[in-house]
Amino acid sequence: MRIGLYFGSFNPIHIGHLIIANHLLNETPLEKIWFILSPQNPFKINHSLLNEYDRLHLLQTATADDPRIKVSDIEFSLPKPSYTSVTLAHLSERYPEHEFSIVMGSDSFQNLHKWKNYEAIIDNYSMYVYKRPEFPVENTIGAKLVELDAPLLQISATSIREMIRDGKSIRYMVPENVIAEIEKGGYYKSRKI
């Protein structure tokens, strides 16, 4: 099966992430999208992250009714911080029957050469890169990639967290069932997150 791996902190998951996943499933040969939740991204400050199990719960809540999407906690059992090359090697060994590709925005693709063992990644995996404004896709590293014009929304997890802290509505930016879980858990109210 052809599977797109969509890595991220998903802090929290929002409609923009889900629209990109749906676009990939509709417009590419990918048969499933696996959201790979990163408990600790080496490029992000750890204290700004909600607990990984709470983020996992929100991600599972957002995608529960779509059989084309799977949520994976594979990185929870791997050394931290999470390195994509390690996760890919682990997934390929565990699921040799699948063909994995990486899903990422052009902003992340611009930094791929800074990733640990990036050469192994570009040698062994294709990539679906969706364009983000102000981040042109410049493939100077010879990656096997498909460039996409996915529908993008000008929302970010950072702005959603700020809105929650400020007591503003995040309706229509985050699935209703996820909003209910955020409110129930009191998530993102603290200034630290």
Foldseek 3Di string as FASTA:
>chain_A
DEEEEEEDQCLPPWPQVVQQQVCCCVPHPHQAYEYEHFQAAPVDDNLLHDHSVLNQVLVCQQCVVPPRYHYDPQNVPPDPRDAPVVVVVVVCVVCVVYAYAYEEELVVVVCLVVGPPSVVVQVRHEYEYEYDPPRDRDPPPNHRYDYDPGDGDPDDSVVVLVCVLVVHDCPPTHDPSSVVSCVVVVPSNDPSD
